[in-house]
Amino acid sequence: MGFTPLLPPLPRRTPALRTFPPPKVSTPTPGSVPEPSQKLAQAPGTLALVQARGFDSPVSIVPLPRYEQSSSHRTAPPRAGRPLRPVDAISRQIEGRCAGVAIAYLEIMAARRSRQQLAQWVSADCFHRLLPRFPKNPRQVPAGQALSMPPALLRVRAQRVNPKLYEAVALFRCGQGIRVVTLQVRELHGAWLVTSIEQPQNRPGAN
């Protein structure tokens, strides 16, 4: 029998810790501190190096942040005006008739057409009101009503006032001037007849 079991156990050896030398701290010198532009140049995506015109060295351009409000890009809503009534089939027919009646009226006022040619397109009351205006011969043509050439239609527009009444205006070029004729058209006994023809004061230069 040996004496080994009677001896106290030996203490376990703890492995030695591995030590590292302390980091070397270098004192910065004035020349080793990078400039602010150099620090920014290391950040990717923030600078763009471009070659400035007239310089040999590249110039660093730092994009400025954009603090724009979203409301500045909003477009103002369009201002809604008063729309005209849509032109229907009856309005177009009345516009064509008013254009022809207005041309006949201007030529009658210039003693270039017979007044009887207007009788079938206007009401009886309207025709009797127009008779005193019509000249009987070229010497009685009122001032400003003479025509050196046939009137040229520029525009005609008819608007419905109610289902049985339309108002129209026609513009003509007569020589060097513009003449305007306004008309009213009513439905009488199932037919559309002109019940009123007026000629506002001619614009300067009208023949």
C-alpha atoms as a PDB file:
ATOM      1  CA  MET A   1       0.000   0.000   0.000  1.00  0.00           C
ATOM      2  CA  GLY A   2       1.512   3.238  -1.042  1.00  0.00           C
ATOM      3  CA  PHE A   3       1.240   6.695   0.479  1.00  0.00           C
ATOM      4  CA  THR A   4      -0.159   8.452  -2.574  1.00  0.00           C
ATOM      5  CA  PRO A   5      -3.846   8.341  -1.531  1.00  0.00           C
ATOM      6  CA  LEU A   6      -2.975   9.958   1.790  1.00  0.00           C
ATOM      7  CA  LEU A   7      -1.333  13.022   0.231  1.00  0.00           C
ATOM      8  CA  PRO A   8      -3.474  16.141  -0.353  1.00  0.00           C
ATOM      9  CA  PRO A   9      -4.384  16.851  -3.976  1.00  0.00           C
ATOM     10  CA  LEU A  10      -2.205  19.260  -5.836  1.00  0.00           C
ATOM     11  CA  PRO A  11      -3.740  22.647  -6.769  1.00  0.00           C
ATOM     12  CA  ARG A  12      -4.777  23.116 -10.401  1.00  0.00           C
ATOM     13  CA  ARG A  13      -2.597  25.354 -12.472  1.00  0.00           C
ATOM     14  CA  THR A  14      -4.410  28.402 -13.862  1.00  0.00           C
ATOM     15  CA  PRO A  15      -3.288  29.227 -17.373  1.00  0.00           C
ATOM     16  CA  ALA A  16      -1.401  32.445 -17.596  1.00  0.00           C
ATOM     17  CA  LEU A  17      -3.302  35.384 -19.099  1.00  0.00           C
ATOM     18  CA  ARG A  18      -1.974  36.709 -22.353  1.00  0.00           C
ATOM     19  CA  THR A  19      -1.141  40.346 -22.102  1.00  0.00           C
ATOM     20  CA  PHE A  20      -0.942  42.853 -24.941  1.00  0.00           C
ATOM     21  CA  PRO A  21       1.133  45.966 -25.108  1.00  0.00           C
ATOM     22  CA  PRO A  22      -0.805  49.209 -24.619  1.00  0.00           C
ATOM     23  CA  PRO A  23      -1.747  51.070 -27.804  1.00  0.00           C
ATOM     24  CA  LYS A  24       0.564  53.753 -28.893  1.00  0.00           C
ATOM     25  CA  VAL A  25      -0.986  57.190 -28.711  1.00  0.00           C
ATOM     26  CA  SER A  26       0.581  59.590 -31.120  1.00  0.00           C
ATOM     27  CA  THR A  27       0.370  63.280 -30.532  1.00  0.00           C
ATOM     28  CA  PRO A  28      -1.114  64.991 -33.597  1.00  0.00           C
ATOM     29  CA  THR A  29       1.037  67.546 -35.262  1.00  0.00           C
ATOM     30  CA  PRO A  30      -0.343  70.673 -36.907  1.00  0.00           C
ATOM     31  CA  GLY A  31       0.316  69.290 -40.374  1.00  0.00           C
ATOM     32  CA  SER A  32      -1.278  65.902 -39.706  1.00  0.00           C
ATOM     33  CA  VAL A  33      -4.791  67.170 -38.804  1.00  0.00           C
ATOM     34  CA  PRO A  34      -6.972  66.886 -41.922  1.00  0.00           C
ATOM     35  CA  GLU A  35      -8.847  69.903 -43.102  1.00  0.00           C
ATOM     36  CA  PRO A  36     -12.676  69.928 -42.968  1.00  0.00           C
ATOM     37  CA  SER A  37     -12.858  69.544 -46.714  1.00  0.00           C
ATOM     38  CA  GLN A  38     -10.595  66.467 -46.499  1.00  0.00           C
ATOM     39  CA  LYS A  39     -12.819  64.906 -43.840  1.00  0.00           C
ATOM     40  CA  LEU A  40     -15.886  65.431 -45.982  1.00  0.00           C
ATOM     41  CA  ALA A  41     -14.111  64.027 -48.976  1.00  0.00           C
ATOM     42  CA  GLN A  42     -13.847  60.633 -47.219  1.00  0.00           C
ATOM     43  CA  ALA A  43     -17.624  60.362 -46.906  1.00  0.00           C
ATOM     44  CA  PRO A  44     -18.911  58.714 -50.071  1.00  0.00           C
ATOM     45  CA  GLY A  45     -21.863  60.232 -51.810  1.00  0.00           C
ATOM     46  CA  THR A  46     -21.576  63.706 -50.330  1.00  0.00           C
ATOM     47  CA  LEU A  47     -19.064  65.352 -52.628  1.00  0.00           C
ATOM     48  CA  ALA A  48     -18.605  65.572 -56.320  1.00  0.00           C
ATOM     49  CA  LEU A  49     -15.215  66.461 -57.705  1.00  0.00           C
ATOM     50  CA  VAL A  50     -15.438  68.526 -60.810  1.00  0.00           C
ATOM     51  CA  GLN A  51     -12.866  70.293 -62.805  1.00  0.00           C
ATOM     52  CA  ALA A  52     -13.543  74.001 -62.466  1.00  0.00           C
ATOM     53  CA  ARG A  53     -13.298  76.010 -65.620  1.00  0.00           C
ATOM     54  CA  GLY A  54     -10.075  77.917 -65.717  1.00  0.00           C
ATOM     55  CA  PHE A  55      -8.441  75.934 -62.851  1.00  0.00           C
ATOM     56  CA  ASP A  56      -6.109  72.987 -62.962  1.00  0.00           C
ATOM     57  CA  SER A  57      -7.094  71.505 -59.602  1.00  0.00           C
ATOM     58  CA  PRO A  58     -10.484  69.920 -58.906  1.00  0.00           C
ATOM     59  CA  VAL A  59     -12.877  71.808 -56.691  1.00  0.00           C
ATOM     60  CA  SER A  60     -15.014  70.055 -54.083  1.00  0.00           C
ATOM     61  CA  ILE A  61     -18.679  70.942 -54.212  1.00  0.00           C
ATOM     62  CA  VAL A  62     -20.839  70.079 -51.205  1.00  0.00           C
ATOM     63  CA  PRO A  63     -24.526  69.812 -52.134  1.00  0.00           C
ATOM     64  CA  LEU A  64     -26.648  72.018 -49.925  1.00  0.00           C
ATOM     65  CA  PRO A  65     -29.730  70.503 -48.316  1.00  0.00           C
ATOM     66  CA  ARG A  66     -33.056  71.551 -49.830  1.00  0.00           C
ATOM     67  CA  TYR A  67     -35.581  72.661 -47.270  1.00  0.00           C
ATOM     68  CA  GLU A  68     -38.498  73.230 -49.613  1.00  0.00           C
ATOM     69  CA  GLN A  69     -42.017  72.941 -48.412  1.00  0.00           C
ATOM     70  CA  SER A  70     -44.307  70.673 -50.304  1.00  0.00           C
ATOM     71  CA  SER A  71     -46.923  73.413 -50.467  1.00  0.00           C
ATOM     72  CA  SER A  72     -44.673  75.521 -52.695  1.00  0.00           C
ATOM     73  CA  HIS A  73     -45.063  72.970 -55.499  1.00  0.00           C
ATOM     74  CA  ARG A  74     -48.834  72.878 -55.365  1.00  0.00           C
ATOM     75  CA  THR A  75     -50.462  74.415 -58.382  1.00  0.00           C
ATOM     76  CA  ALA A  76     -53.341  76.777 -57.848  1.00  0.00           C
ATOM     77  CA  PRO A  77     -56.695  75.306 -58.872  1.00  0.00           C
ATOM     78  CA  PRO A  78     -58.043  76.734 -62.127  1.00  0.00           C
ATOM     79  CA  ARG A  79     -60.619  79.437 -61.727  1.00  0.00           C
ATOM     80  CA  ALA A  80     -63.937  78.296 -63.033  1.00  0.00           C
ATOM     81  CA  GLY A  81     -65.681  80.830 -65.211  1.00  0.00           C
ATOM     82  CA  ARG A  82     -69.230  80.925 -66.405  1.00  0.00           C
ATOM     83  CA  PRO A  83     -69.471  78.378 -69.232  1.00  0.00           C
ATOM     84  CA  LEU A  84     -71.530  79.057 -72.307  1.00  0.00           C
ATOM     85  CA  ARG A  85     -74.470  76.881 -73.015  1.00  0.00           C
ATOM     86  CA  PRO A  86     -73.672  74.056 -75.420  1.00  0.00           C
ATOM     87  CA  VAL A  87     -74.708  74.640 -79.002  1.00  0.00           C
ATOM     88  CA  ASP A  88     -77.461  72.263 -80.053  1.00  0.00           C
ATOM     89  CA  ALA A  89     -78.762  71.391 -83.490  1.00  0.00           C
ATOM     90  CA  ILE A  90     -81.443  74.090 -83.405  1.00  0.00           C
ATOM     91  CA  SER A  91     -78.870  76.736 -82.469  1.00  0.00           C
ATOM     92  CA  ARG A  92     -76.738  75.832 -85.481  1.00  0.00           C
ATOM     93  CA  GLN A  93     -79.714  76.070 -87.807  1.00  0.00           C
ATOM     94  CA  ILE A  94     -80.661  79.436 -86.355  1.00  0.00           C
ATOM     95  CA  GLU A  95     -77.077  80.679 -86.697  1.00  0.00           C
ATOM     96  CA  GLY A  96     -77.093  79.830 -90.403  1.00  0.00           C
ATOM     97  CA  ARG A  97     -80.438  81.531 -90.921  1.00  0.00           C
ATOM     98  CA  CYS A  98     -79.388  84.638 -88.971  1.00  0.00           C
ATOM     99  CA  ALA A  99     -76.202  84.941 -91.014  1.00  0.00           C
ATOM    100  CA  GLY A 100     -78.195  84.958 -94.256  1.00  0.00           C
ATOM    101  CA  VAL A 101     -80.820  87.369 -92.918  1.00  0.00           C
ATOM    102  CA  ALA A 102     -78.128  89.744 -91.624  1.00  0.00           C
ATOM    103  CA  ILE A 103     -76.360  89.786 -95.003  1.00  0.00           C
ATOM    104  CA  ALA A 104     -79.647  90.526 -96.739  1.00  0.00           C
ATOM    105  CA  TYR A 105     -80.365  93.304 -94.239  1.00  0.00           C
ATOM    106  CA  LEU A 106     -76.980  94.977 -94.835  1.00  0.00           C
ATOM    107  CA  GLU A 107     -77.408  94.797 -98.611  1.00  0.00           C
ATOM    108  CA  ILE A 108     -80.959  96.186 -98.422  1.00  0.00           C
ATOM    109  CA  MET A 109     -79.681  99.057 -96.272  1.00  0.00           C
ATOM    110  CA  ALA A 110     -77.094  99.733 -98.995  1.00  0.00           C
ATOM    111  CA  ALA A 111     -79.776  99.606-101.725  1.00  0.00           C
ATOM    112  CA  ARG A 112     -78.174  96.559-103.285  1.00  0.00           C
ATOM    113  CA  ARG A 113     -81.033  94.103-102.718  1.00  0.00           C
ATOM    114  CA  SER A 114     -84.808  94.184-102.924  1.00  0.00           C
ATOM    115  CA  ARG A 115     -86.556  94.528 -99.575  1.00  0.00           C
ATOM    116  CA  GLN A 116     -89.095  91.870-100.547  1.00  0.00           C
ATOM    117  CA  GLN A 117     -86.418  89.188-100.300  1.00  0.00           C
ATOM    118  CA  LEU A 118     -86.431  89.649 -96.536  1.00  0.00           C
ATOM    119  CA  ALA A 119     -90.178  89.328 -96.037  1.00  0.00           C
ATOM    120  CA  GLN A 120     -90.285  85.518 -95.902  1.00  0.00           C
ATOM    121  CA  TRP A 121     -87.642  85.283 -93.145  1.00  0.00           C
ATOM    122  CA  VAL A 122     -88.961  87.862 -90.685  1.00  0.00           C
ATOM    123  CA  SER A 123     -92.259  88.265 -88.898  1.00  0.00           C
ATOM    124  CA  ALA A 124     -94.863  90.668 -90.253  1.00  0.00           C
ATOM    125  CA  ASP A 125     -94.401  93.061 -87.351  1.00  0.00           C
ATOM    126  CA  CYS A 126     -90.632  93.102 -87.802  1.00  0.00           C
ATOM    127  CA  PHE A 127     -90.927  93.722 -91.534  1.00  0.00           C
ATOM    128  CA  HIS A 128     -93.252  96.682 -91.047  1.00  0.00           C
ATOM    129  CA  ARG A 129     -90.862  98.192 -88.499  1.00  0.00           C
ATOM    130  CA  LEU A 130     -87.965  97.857 -90.927  1.00  0.00           C
ATOM    131  CA  LEU A 131     -89.702  99.416 -93.931  1.00  0.00           C
ATOM    132  CA  PRO A 132     -89.101 103.045 -92.871  1.00  0.00           C
ATOM    133  CA  ARG A 133     -85.376 102.328 -92.530  1.00  0.00           C
ATOM    134  CA  PHE A 134     -84.899 100.837 -95.974  1.00  0.00           C
ATOM    135  CA  PRO A 135     -83.732 103.281 -98.666  1.00  0.00           C
ATOM    136  CA  LYS A 136     -85.727 103.345-101.885  1.00  0.00           C
ATOM    137  CA  ASN A 137     -82.737 104.178-104.077  1.00  0.00           C
ATOM    138  CA  PRO A 138     -78.947 104.513-103.691  1.00  0.00           C
ATOM    139  CA  ARG A 139     -79.239 108.262-103.086  1.00  0.00           C
ATOM    140  CA  GLN A 140     -81.155 107.588 -99.859  1.00  0.00           C
ATOM    141  CA  VAL A 141     -78.555 105.215 -98.402  1.00  0.00           C
ATOM    142  CA  PRO A 142     -77.755 106.406 -94.853  1.00  0.00           C
ATOM    143  CA  ALA A 143     -74.235 107.467 -94.022  1.00  0.00           C
ATOM    144  CA  GLY A 144     -72.089 104.517 -93.085  1.00  0.00           C
ATOM    145  CA  GLN A 145     -74.382 101.957 -94.770  1.00  0.00           C
ATOM    146  CA  ALA A 146     -72.861 102.019 -98.253  1.00  0.00           C
ATOM    147  CA  LEU A 147     -71.037  98.878 -99.362  1.00  0.00           C
ATOM    148  CA  SER A 148     -68.014  98.870-101.628  1.00  0.00           C
ATOM    149  CA  MET A 149     -67.959  95.055-101.620  1.00  0.00           C
ATOM    150  CA  PRO A 150     -70.213  92.266-100.328  1.00  0.00           C
ATOM    151  CA  PRO A 151     -70.112  91.836 -96.544  1.00  0.00           C
ATOM    152  CA  ALA A 152     -67.924  88.951 -95.356  1.00  0.00           C
ATOM    153  CA  LEU A 153     -69.170  86.942 -92.386  1.00  0.00           C
ATOM    154  CA  LEU A 154     -66.626  86.722 -89.578  1.00  0.00           C
ATOM    155  CA  ARG A 155     -68.633  85.077 -86.807  1.00  0.00           C
ATOM    156  CA  VAL A 156     -72.181  84.290 -85.812  1.00  0.00           C
ATOM    157  CA  ARG A 157     -73.379  83.015 -82.456  1.00  0.00           C
ATOM    158  CA  ALA A 158     -76.860  82.092 -81.235  1.00  0.00           C
ATOM    159  CA  GLN A 159     -77.890  81.485 -77.635  1.00  0.00           C
ATOM    160  CA  ARG A 160     -81.165  80.077 -76.384  1.00  0.00           C
ATOM    161  CA  VAL A 161     -83.080  82.350 -74.027  1.00  0.00           C
ATOM    162  CA  ASN A 162     -85.976  79.946 -73.634  1.00  0.00           C
ATOM    163  CA  PRO A 163     -87.288  77.033 -75.711  1.00  0.00           C
ATOM    164  CA  LYS A 164     -89.061  79.451 -78.085  1.00  0.00           C
ATOM    165  CA  LEU A 165     -86.638  82.397 -78.158  1.00  0.00           C
ATOM    166  CA  TYR A 166     -83.056  82.689 -79.411  1.00  0.00           C
ATOM    167  CA  GLU A 167     -80.773  85.696 -79.600  1.00  0.00           C
ATOM    168  CA  ALA A 168     -77.965  85.917 -82.134  1.00  0.00           C
ATOM    169  CA  VAL A 169     -75.133  88.260 -83.023  1.00  0.00           C
ATOM    170  CA  ALA A 170     -73.289  88.332 -86.344  1.00  0.00           C
ATOM    171  CA  LEU A 171     -70.028  90.101 -87.178  1.00  0.00           C
ATOM    172  CA  PHE A 172     -69.163  91.145 -90.726  1.00  0.00           C
ATOM    173  CA  ARG A 173     -66.203  92.744 -92.414  1.00  0.00           C
ATOM    174  CA  CYS A 174     -67.409  95.467 -94.733  1.00  0.00           C
ATOM    175  CA  GLY A 175     -64.495  97.040 -96.544  1.00  0.00           C
ATOM    176  CA  GLN A 176     -62.070  98.286 -93.900  1.00  0.00           C
ATOM    177  CA  GLY A 177     -64.568  98.223 -91.031  1.00  0.00           C
ATOM    178  CA  ILE A 178     -66.565  95.794 -88.913  1.00  0.00           C
ATOM    179  CA  ARG A 179     -70.347  95.797 -88.666  1.00  0.00           C
ATOM    180  CA  VAL A 180     -72.439  94.041 -86.044  1.00  0.00           C
ATOM    181  CA  VAL A 181     -76.018  92.859 -86.465  1.00  0.00           C
ATOM    182  CA  THR A 182     -78.095  91.526 -83.568  1.00  0.00           C
ATOM    183  CA  LEU A 183     -81.199  89.426 -84.109  1.00  0.00           C
ATOM    184  CA  GLN A 184     -83.993  87.782 -82.146  1.00  0.00           C
ATOM    185  CA  VAL A 185     -85.601  84.608 -83.453  1.00  0.00           C
ATOM    186  CA  ARG A 186     -88.897  83.250 -82.137  1.00  0.00           C
ATOM    187  CA  GLU A 187     -90.964  80.194 -82.875  1.00  0.00           C
ATOM    188  CA  LEU A 188     -94.255  81.467 -84.295  1.00  0.00           C
ATOM    189  CA  HIS A 189     -96.944  79.077 -85.521  1.00  0.00           C
ATOM    190  CA  GLY A 190     -94.463  76.210 -85.803  1.00  0.00           C
ATOM    191  CA  ALA A 191     -91.800  78.196 -87.726  1.00  0.00           C
ATOM    192  CA  TRP A 192     -88.706  80.112 -86.654  1.00  0.00           C
ATOM    193  CA  LEU A 193     -88.915  83.750 -87.740  1.00  0.00           C
ATOM    194  CA  VAL A 194     -86.727  86.761 -87.049  1.00  0.00           C
ATOM    195  CA  THR A 195     -88.686  89.172 -84.885  1.00  0.00           C
ATOM    196  CA  SER A 196     -86.035  91.857 -84.346  1.00  0.00           C
ATOM    197  CA  ILE A 197     -83.018  93.149 -86.286  1.00  0.00           C
ATOM    198  CA  GLU A 198     -80.789  95.848 -84.859  1.00  0.00           C
ATOM    199  CA  GLN A 199     -77.509  97.292 -86.007  1.00  0.00           C
ATOM    200  CA  PRO A 200     -75.410  98.880 -83.256  1.00  0.00           C
ATOM    201  CA  GLN A 201     -73.169 101.794 -84.073  1.00  0.00           C
ATOM    202  CA  ASN A 202     -70.556 100.757 -86.580  1.00  0.00           C
ATOM    203  CA  ARG A 203     -66.938 100.628 -85.551  1.00  0.00           C
ATOM    204  CA  PRO A 204     -64.584 103.325 -86.874  1.00  0.00           C
ATOM    205  CA  GLY A 205     -63.506 102.704 -90.422  1.00  0.00           C
ATOM    206  CA  ALA A 206     -66.693 100.955 -91.541  1.00  0.00           C
ATOM    207  CA  ASN A 207     -67.843 101.673 -95.039  1.00  0.00           C
END
